[in-house]
Amino acid sequence: MLQPYRAVLSRPGALRFSSAGALARLPMSMIGLGIVLMVSELEGSYGLAGRVTAVEVVAQSICSPQLARLVDRHGQARVMRPAVVVTAVGLCAMIGAAVLHAAPWSLYLAAAVTGGSIGSIGSLVRARWSAVLRSPREIHTAYSLESAVDEGLFVVGPVLVTVLAIGVHPSAGLMVSAVAVVGGGLLLLSQRATEPATRPNDLGRRSRHVMGSAGMAVLFVVFICMGAIYGALNVSTVAFAEERGHKAAAGAVLAVTAVGSTIAGLIYGSRQWQSPLWRRFAIGVVALALGVSLLSLITSLAVLAAVMFVIGFAIAPSAINGNALVEMLVPKHQLTEGLAWLGTAMGVGVSLGSWTGGTLIDSSGSHAGFQVVMVSAGLAAVAVLASLRTLRAGRASVASGARD
């Protein structure tokens, strides 16, 4: 099963940029939960924690595609080197505001700076893979590897940030995030040999917007719903664990989801599939909705962990297929921006899920938050099933354009 991964990682520079990218995006699995843990502990409100998280994610959602567009035009290092430094400044400002019990607006401002500058490291790494590899099969394997890495980070990140926040200081998880984003980001951006080339001849030419296709619009809506699942699930799990008197176990329970997703991603990526990509994407989203429906059965942390493991098995294949569809739906010179738009959709969903879930949890308890998760999953399934013809037509249109 590991042979396809060894083959792509043996390419010159591949292991180095993939490893650096993994370190640089470790904070993506820590910042949201880190804000929830820090703000709920220091300020005593899940609602405020959810709102601060939402501001950070909304800022990232708005700004990431714009940063990605600049990256496609001017290069990764030139755009993102100063951006990662600003991200660290924003994280430090957020920590200072929380520790000093400053006014909520200062938390919102620091969260906006953090989210607005962090960009989408995963898009940078996947764009490098597309520049290094040529075979669709190899790109499928590389994208699957990166999705598995993402999920592996969601095994390590929640546990790490919870241990740091509970055992060291409520802000310690965000401090480590600041170090990781700067260290990993600068290490990745220093590797110029594998950086995708820009297209100077296109700088003055107006390109079609990547969101101009119906297929990308469908992916955007589905990924908003998927993001809402994650956002509400994080806040609800922390609240559920606290209600059971084991708040420190929240990170471990969230990590169980990532374990299942990592396993599924590695297995999925090691195979070459014959069925159409749009169909596999639809099946994965529906499977995710079915798995999430099991949240209605939870009665203890052990049952929740078991359900989270099942949910995890549908997450990575859905993300892999969604990213692969982007590569088929947008021009190659706009790939970073196209991938970033999926991150934007995910971010919008996370913000909606964490905000709505946190507010309902404050008034009605953790089960109200889990209801937000189930509704979001149901909407994702409905959206993808209602758009099967659009996804299929979009793929056919791309294939026709390639022949022309």
Protein backbone atom coordinates (compact mmCIF):
# COMPACT_ATOMS: atom_id res chain seq x y z
CA MET A 1 0.00 0.00 0.00
CA LEU A 2 2.90 2.38 0.72
CA GLN A 3 4.71 1.89 -2.61
CA PRO A 4 2.82 4.68 -4.47
CA TYR A 5 3.70 7.10 -1.66
CA ARG A 6 7.37 6.13 -1.72
CA ALA A 7 7.42 6.73 -5.46
CA VAL A 8 6.14 10.32 -5.30
CA LEU A 9 8.21 11.20 -2.22
CA SER A 10 11.37 10.05 -4.04
CA ARG A 11 11.08 12.97 -6.47
CA PRO A 12 13.77 15.63 -5.90
CA GLY A 13 12.75 17.99 -3.11
CA ALA A 14 9.35 16.35 -2.55
CA LEU A 15 9.97 15.00 0.95
CA ARG A 16 11.47 18.32 2.04
CA PHE A 17 8.60 20.54 0.92
CA SER A 18 5.94 18.08 2.07
CA SER A 19 7.51 17.86 5.54
CA ALA A 20 7.94 21.62 5.85
CA GLY A 21 4.35 22.10 4.71
CA ALA A 22 3.15 19.69 7.38
CA LEU A 23 4.87 21.70 10.12
CA ALA A 24 3.60 24.99 8.71
CA ARG A 25 -0.02 23.83 8.72
CA LEU A 26 0.04 22.16 12.13
CA PRO A 27 -1.63 25.32 13.50
CA MET A 28 -4.72 24.65 11.36
CA SER A 29 -5.55 21.82 13.77
CA MET A 30 -4.69 23.88 16.84
CA ILE A 31 -5.84 27.48 16.42
CA GLY A 32 -9.61 26.92 16.46
CA LEU A 33 -9.60 24.57 19.43
CA GLY A 34 -6.87 26.66 21.07
CA ILE A 35 -9.09 29.74 20.92
CA VAL A 36 -12.02 27.81 22.36
CA LEU A 37 -9.93 26.45 25.23
CA MET A 38 -8.19 29.75 25.98
CA VAL A 39 -11.20 32.07 25.77
CA SER A 40 -13.64 29.71 27.52
CA GLU A 41 -11.15 29.30 30.38
CA LEU A 42 -10.03 32.92 30.73
CA GLU A 43 -13.34 34.62 29.86
CA GLY A 44 -15.82 31.90 30.89
CA SER A 45 -17.94 31.97 27.72
CA TYR A 46 -18.27 29.43 24.93
CA GLY A 47 -20.30 31.98 23.00
CA LEU A 48 -17.42 34.47 23.00
CA ALA A 49 -14.98 31.67 22.16
CA GLY A 50 -17.12 30.66 19.21
CA ARG A 51 -17.38 34.25 17.98
CA VAL A 52 -13.63 34.86 18.18
CA THR A 53 -13.02 31.61 16.32
CA ALA A 54 -15.57 32.64 13.73
CA VAL A 55 -13.86 36.02 13.17
CA GLU A 56 -10.51 34.30 12.65
CA VAL A 57 -11.96 31.83 10.18
CA VAL A 58 -14.03 34.42 8.30
CA ALA A 59 -10.95 36.62 7.89
CA GLN A 60 -9.01 33.64 6.58
CA SER A 61 -11.87 32.75 4.26
CA ILE A 62 -12.00 36.23 2.75
CA CYS A 63 -8.27 36.80 2.44
CA SER A 64 -6.89 33.36 1.51
CA PRO A 65 -8.13 33.42 -2.10
CA GLN A 66 -6.73 36.93 -2.53
CA LEU A 67 -3.35 35.82 -1.18
CA ALA A 68 -3.52 32.74 -3.43
CA ARG A 69 -4.21 34.92 -6.48
CA LEU A 70 -1.13 36.99 -5.63
CA VAL A 71 0.86 33.77 -5.18
CA ASP A 72 -0.16 32.52 -8.63
CA ARG A 73 0.94 35.85 -10.13
CA HIS A 74 4.07 36.67 -8.10
CA GLY A 75 5.27 33.43 -6.49
CA GLN A 76 4.87 31.72 -3.12
CA ALA A 77 7.93 33.12 -1.35
CA ARG A 78 7.43 36.75 -2.36
CA VAL A 79 3.85 36.85 -1.09
CA MET A 80 3.80 34.47 1.86
CA ARG A 81 7.07 35.24 3.67
CA PRO A 82 5.78 38.50 5.16
CA ALA A 83 2.32 36.98 5.62
CA VAL A 84 3.48 34.23 8.01
CA VAL A 85 5.25 36.81 10.18
CA VAL A 86 2.04 38.86 10.41
CA THR A 87 0.19 35.68 11.41
CA ALA A 88 2.53 35.16 14.36
CA VAL A 89 2.04 38.80 15.41
CA GLY A 90 -1.74 38.32 15.32
CA LEU A 91 -1.56 35.18 17.45
CA CYS A 92 0.63 36.91 20.03
CA ALA A 93 -1.77 39.87 20.14
CA MET A 94 -4.72 37.53 20.68
CA ILE A 95 -2.94 35.81 23.55
CA GLY A 96 -2.10 39.17 25.13
CA ALA A 97 -5.69 40.38 24.86
CA ALA A 98 -7.06 37.24 26.50
CA VAL A 99 -4.50 37.13 29.31
CA LEU A 100 -5.05 40.82 30.11
CA HIS A 101 -8.85 40.40 29.91
CA ALA A 102 -9.02 43.18 27.33
CA ALA A 103 -12.25 44.25 25.65
CA PRO A 104 -13.78 41.67 23.26
CA TRP A 105 -13.10 43.91 20.26
CA SER A 106 -9.35 43.47 20.81
CA LEU A 107 -9.77 39.69 20.59
CA TYR A 108 -11.80 40.10 17.41
CA LEU A 109 -9.16 42.42 15.89
CA ALA A 110 -6.28 40.07 16.69
CA ALA A 111 -8.27 37.12 15.34
CA ALA A 112 -8.93 39.04 12.12
CA VAL A 113 -5.20 39.80 11.67
CA THR A 114 -4.34 36.14 12.27
CA GLY A 115 -6.92 34.76 9.89
CA GLY A 116 -6.35 37.41 7.25
CA SER A 117 -2.65 36.61 6.89
CA ILE A 118 -2.37 32.86 7.44
CA GLY A 119 -3.35 31.91 3.89
CA SER A 120 -3.69 28.30 2.78
CA ILE A 121 -0.46 26.38 3.26
CA GLY A 122 -2.12 23.20 2.00
CA SER A 123 -2.82 24.93 -1.33
CA LEU A 124 0.84 25.92 -1.62
CA VAL A 125 1.98 22.34 -1.03
CA ARG A 126 -0.54 20.82 -3.45
CA ALA A 127 0.42 23.36 -6.11
CA ARG A 128 4.04 22.23 -5.71
CA TRP A 129 2.98 18.62 -6.23
CA SER A 130 1.15 19.58 -9.43
CA ALA A 131 4.29 21.35 -10.64
CA VAL A 132 6.59 18.42 -9.82
CA LEU A 133 4.38 15.58 -11.07
CA ARG A 134 2.74 15.03 -14.45
CA SER A 135 0.81 11.74 -14.23
CA PRO A 136 -2.80 12.03 -12.96
CA ARG A 137 -2.24 8.82 -11.00
CA GLU A 138 0.78 10.29 -9.23
CA ILE A 139 -1.07 13.52 -8.48
CA HIS A 140 -3.96 11.45 -7.03
CA THR A 141 -1.45 9.70 -4.77
CA ALA A 142 0.23 12.97 -3.75
CA TYR A 143 -3.08 14.68 -2.97
CA SER A 144 -4.15 11.65 -0.96
CA LEU A 145 -0.87 11.81 0.93
CA GLU A 146 -1.43 15.46 1.79
CA SER A 147 -4.99 14.76 2.93
CA ALA A 148 -3.67 11.95 5.13
CA VAL A 149 -1.06 14.37 6.51
CA ASP A 150 -3.83 16.88 7.21
CA GLU A 151 -5.76 14.28 9.14
CA GLY A 152 -2.62 13.14 10.93
CA LEU A 153 -2.14 16.72 12.07
CA PHE A 154 -5.68 16.61 13.42
CA VAL A 155 -4.58 13.60 15.49
CA VAL A 156 -1.59 15.43 16.94
CA GLY A 157 -2.91 19.00 17.04
CA PRO A 158 -6.02 18.66 19.23
CA VAL A 159 -4.19 16.47 21.75
CA LEU A 160 -1.19 18.80 21.83
CA VAL A 161 -3.23 22.00 22.18
CA THR A 162 -5.43 20.46 24.89
CA VAL A 163 -2.46 19.20 26.91
CA LEU A 164 -0.78 22.59 26.63
CA ALA A 165 -3.92 24.58 27.46
CA ILE A 166 -4.98 22.38 30.40
CA GLY A 167 -1.57 21.38 31.74
CA VAL A 168 0.62 24.44 31.05
CA HIS A 169 -1.43 27.60 30.41
CA PRO A 170 -4.66 28.33 28.51
CA SER A 171 -2.66 30.27 25.90
CA ALA A 172 0.21 27.78 25.49
CA GLY A 173 -1.37 26.02 22.51
CA LEU A 174 -1.57 29.26 20.53
CA MET A 175 2.03 30.09 21.45
CA VAL A 176 3.19 26.81 19.91
CA SER A 177 1.02 27.55 16.86
CA ALA A 178 2.85 30.84 16.33
CA VAL A 179 6.23 29.08 16.41
CA ALA A 180 5.06 26.36 14.00
CA VAL A 181 3.56 28.71 11.42
CA VAL A 182 6.71 30.84 11.28
CA GLY A 183 9.25 28.00 11.42
CA GLY A 184 7.46 25.68 9.01
CA GLY A 185 6.32 28.47 6.71
CA LEU A 186 9.76 30.02 6.25
CA LEU A 187 11.31 26.57 5.79
CA LEU A 188 8.80 25.73 3.04
CA LEU A 189 9.18 29.08 1.30
CA SER A 190 12.99 28.84 1.30
CA GLN A 191 12.78 25.85 -1.08
CA ARG A 192 12.75 27.68 -4.40
CA ALA A 193 13.58 24.70 -6.65
CA THR A 194 10.11 23.18 -6.23
CA GLU A 195 8.19 26.47 -6.18
CA PRO A 196 5.70 26.60 -9.08
CA ALA A 197 6.69 29.04 -11.81
CA THR A 198 4.65 32.19 -12.31
CA ARG A 199 3.41 33.24 -15.73
CA PRO A 200 4.63 36.80 -16.36
CA ASN A 201 2.87 36.96 -19.72
CA ASP A 202 -0.47 36.57 -17.95
CA LEU A 203 0.07 39.34 -15.39
CA GLY A 204 -1.70 41.98 -17.43
CA ARG A 205 -4.37 39.69 -18.83
CA ARG A 206 -7.73 39.20 -17.17
CA SER A 207 -8.39 35.53 -16.50
CA ARG A 208 -11.78 34.03 -15.98
CA HIS A 209 -12.61 33.94 -12.27
CA VAL A 210 -12.09 30.46 -10.85
CA MET A 211 -15.57 30.57 -9.32
CA GLY A 212 -17.12 31.17 -12.72
CA SER A 213 -17.93 27.51 -13.34
CA ALA A 214 -21.05 25.80 -12.02
CA GLY A 215 -18.93 22.89 -10.78
CA MET A 216 -16.82 25.16 -8.56
CA ALA A 217 -20.00 26.76 -7.21
CA VAL A 218 -21.28 23.32 -6.21
CA LEU A 219 -18.00 22.46 -4.47
CA PHE A 220 -18.09 25.80 -2.65
CA VAL A 221 -21.57 25.13 -1.23
CA VAL A 222 -20.76 21.55 -0.23
CA PHE A 223 -17.53 22.58 1.47
CA ILE A 224 -19.34 25.29 3.43
CA CYS A 225 -21.59 22.56 4.84
CA MET A 226 -18.60 20.32 5.54
CA GLY A 227 -16.85 23.19 7.33
CA ALA A 228 -19.92 23.75 9.50
CA ILE A 229 -19.66 20.10 10.55
CA TYR A 230 -16.09 20.62 11.77
CA GLY A 231 -16.75 23.96 13.46
CA ALA A 232 -19.77 22.79 15.44
CA LEU A 233 -18.15 19.43 16.19
CA ASN A 234 -15.10 21.03 17.83
CA VAL A 235 -17.10 23.27 20.14
CA SER A 236 -19.68 20.58 20.91
CA THR A 237 -17.05 17.98 21.79
CA VAL A 238 -15.30 20.33 24.23
CA ALA A 239 -18.63 21.20 25.84
CA PHE A 240 -19.75 17.55 26.02
CA ALA A 241 -16.46 16.53 27.65
CA GLU A 242 -16.79 19.35 30.19
CA GLU A 243 -20.38 18.33 30.99
CA ARG A 244 -19.06 14.83 31.76
CA GLY A 245 -16.33 16.26 33.98
CA HIS A 246 -13.46 15.39 31.61
CA LYS A 247 -12.72 18.52 29.61
CA ALA A 248 -9.10 17.46 29.12
CA ALA A 249 -10.31 14.43 27.13
CA ALA A 250 -11.81 16.62 24.38
CA GLY A 251 -8.61 16.75 22.35
CA ALA A 252 -8.20 12.98 22.44
CA VAL A 253 -11.80 12.44 21.34
CA LEU A 254 -11.35 14.86 18.43
CA ALA A 255 -8.13 13.09 17.51
CA VAL A 256 -10.03 9.81 17.12
CA THR A 257 -11.85 11.34 14.14
CA ALA A 258 -8.53 12.22 12.55
CA VAL A 259 -7.19 8.70 13.14
CA GLY A 260 -10.08 7.21 11.20
CA SER A 261 -9.70 9.80 8.47
CA THR A 262 -5.94 9.25 8.19
CA ILE A 263 -6.40 5.51 7.76
CA ALA A 264 -9.14 6.01 5.19
CA GLY A 265 -7.07 8.57 3.28
CA LEU A 266 -4.00 6.34 3.05
CA ILE A 267 -6.03 3.35 1.88
CA TYR A 268 -8.01 5.44 -0.60
CA GLY A 269 -4.92 7.10 -2.06
CA SER A 270 -3.04 3.84 -2.56
CA ARG A 271 -5.66 2.61 -5.03
CA GLN A 272 -6.34 3.73 -8.58
CA TRP A 273 -10.09 4.07 -9.04
CA GLN A 274 -11.99 3.49 -12.26
CA SER A 275 -15.32 5.08 -11.28
CA PRO A 276 -15.87 8.77 -12.16
CA LEU A 277 -14.48 11.27 -9.69
CA TRP A 278 -17.76 13.18 -9.35
CA ARG A 279 -19.53 9.97 -8.34
CA ARG A 280 -16.93 9.10 -5.72
CA PHE A 281 -17.20 12.61 -4.32
CA ALA A 282 -20.97 12.27 -3.98
CA ILE A 283 -20.70 8.86 -2.32
CA GLY A 284 -18.19 10.22 0.20
CA VAL A 285 -20.37 13.18 1.17
CA VAL A 286 -23.45 10.98 1.62
CA ALA A 287 -21.40 8.53 3.71
CA LEU A 288 -20.25 11.44 5.86
CA ALA A 289 -23.87 12.47 6.48
CA LEU A 290 -24.80 8.93 7.46
CA GLY A 291 -21.88 8.71 9.87
CA VAL A 292 -22.72 12.07 11.45
CA SER A 293 -26.31 10.93 12.06
CA LEU A 294 -24.90 8.52 14.67
CA LEU A 295 -24.26 11.52 16.94
CA SER A 296 -27.91 11.24 17.95
CA LEU A 297 -26.96 8.05 19.82
CA ILE A 298 -24.15 9.35 22.04
CA THR A 299 -24.49 8.86 25.79
CA SER A 300 -20.85 8.93 26.95
CA LEU A 301 -17.36 9.96 25.86
CA ALA A 302 -16.61 6.38 24.84
CA VAL A 303 -19.63 6.25 22.53
CA LEU A 304 -18.75 9.68 21.15
CA ALA A 305 -15.21 8.51 20.39
CA ALA A 306 -16.55 5.46 18.55
CA VAL A 307 -18.90 7.62 16.46
CA MET A 308 -16.08 10.07 15.72
CA PHE A 309 -13.93 7.21 14.39
CA VAL A 310 -16.72 6.20 12.01
CA ILE A 311 -17.19 9.79 10.87
CA GLY A 312 -13.47 10.05 10.18
CA PHE A 313 -13.57 7.31 7.55
CA ALA A 314 -15.67 9.52 5.24
CA ILE A 315 -13.77 12.77 5.76
CA ALA A 316 -10.46 12.20 3.92
CA PRO A 317 -11.93 10.66 0.72
CA SER A 318 -14.37 13.56 0.45
CA ALA A 319 -11.56 16.11 0.83
CA ILE A 320 -9.29 14.25 -1.61
CA ASN A 321 -11.99 14.07 -4.27
CA GLY A 322 -13.00 17.70 -3.77
CA ASN A 323 -9.43 18.93 -4.26
CA ALA A 324 -8.99 16.68 -7.29
CA LEU A 325 -12.15 18.08 -8.85
CA VAL A 326 -10.72 21.60 -8.50
CA GLU A 327 -7.70 20.62 -10.58
CA MET A 328 -10.08 19.46 -13.30
CA LEU A 329 -12.29 22.55 -13.16
CA VAL A 330 -9.77 25.45 -13.15
CA PRO A 331 -6.81 26.38 -15.39
CA LYS A 332 -3.44 25.20 -14.12
CA HIS A 333 -2.10 28.73 -13.66
CA GLN A 334 -5.00 29.43 -11.25
CA LEU A 335 -4.73 26.18 -9.29
CA THR A 336 -3.51 27.75 -6.02
CA GLU A 337 -6.43 30.16 -6.07
CA GLY A 338 -8.92 27.41 -6.91
CA LEU A 339 -7.73 25.25 -4.03
CA ALA A 340 -7.79 28.27 -1.74
CA TRP A 341 -11.46 28.87 -2.58
CA LEU A 342 -12.26 25.44 -1.16
CA GLY A 343 -10.40 26.49 1.96
CA THR A 344 -12.49 29.65 1.99
CA ALA A 345 -15.70 27.64 1.74
CA MET A 346 -14.50 25.38 4.53
CA GLY A 347 -13.61 28.42 6.62
CA VAL A 348 -17.00 30.05 6.13
CA GLY A 349 -18.62 26.81 7.22
CA VAL A 350 -16.35 26.42 10.25
CA SER A 351 -17.19 29.94 11.36
CA LEU A 352 -20.92 29.38 10.94
CA GLY A 353 -20.73 26.04 12.74
CA SER A 354 -18.60 27.27 15.65
CA TRP A 355 -20.62 30.46 16.07
CA THR A 356 -24.02 28.78 15.88
CA GLY A 357 -22.92 25.76 17.88
CA GLY A 358 -21.29 27.85 20.61
CA THR A 359 -24.33 30.07 20.98
CA LEU A 360 -26.74 27.13 21.22
CA ILE A 361 -24.45 25.30 23.65
CA ASP A 362 -24.45 28.30 26.00
CA SER A 363 -28.24 28.18 26.16
CA SER A 364 -29.10 24.48 25.69
CA GLY A 365 -26.01 22.33 26.22
CA SER A 366 -23.73 20.24 24.03
CA HIS A 367 -26.49 18.19 22.36
CA ALA A 368 -27.77 21.38 20.71
CA GLY A 369 -24.32 21.77 19.18
CA PHE A 370 -24.37 18.21 17.86
CA GLN A 371 -27.70 18.97 16.21
CA VAL A 372 -25.96 21.73 14.25
CA VAL A 373 -23.43 19.12 13.09
CA MET A 374 -26.17 16.75 11.89
CA VAL A 375 -28.12 19.46 10.08
CA SER A 376 -24.94 20.63 8.31
CA ALA A 377 -24.14 17.10 7.16
CA GLY A 378 -27.67 16.63 5.87
CA LEU A 379 -27.45 19.87 3.88
CA ALA A 380 -24.12 18.78 2.36
CA ALA A 381 -25.66 15.51 1.18
CA VAL A 382 -28.71 17.26 -0.26
CA ALA A 383 -26.52 19.81 -2.07
CA VAL A 384 -24.30 17.22 -3.72
CA LEU A 385 -27.17 14.91 -4.69
CA ALA A 386 -29.09 17.81 -6.21
CA SER A 387 -26.03 18.80 -8.26
CA LEU A 388 -24.88 15.47 -9.71
CA ARG A 389 -25.73 16.55 -13.24
CA THR A 390 -23.75 19.78 -12.80
CA LEU A 391 -20.68 17.96 -11.52
CA ARG A 392 -20.85 15.41 -14.32
CA ALA A 393 -21.34 18.12 -16.98
CA GLY A 394 -18.51 20.18 -15.54
CA ARG A 395 -16.11 17.26 -15.86
CA ALA A 396 -17.25 16.57 -19.42
CA SER A 397 -16.74 20.24 -20.33
CA VAL A 398 -13.18 20.17 -19.01
CA ALA A 399 -12.41 17.02 -20.96
CA SER A 400 -13.79 18.59 -24.14
CA GLY A 401 -11.72 21.71 -23.58
CA ALA A 402 -8.60 19.60 -23.17
CA ARG A 403 -9.27 17.89 -26.51
CA ASP A 404 -9.82 21.23 -28.20
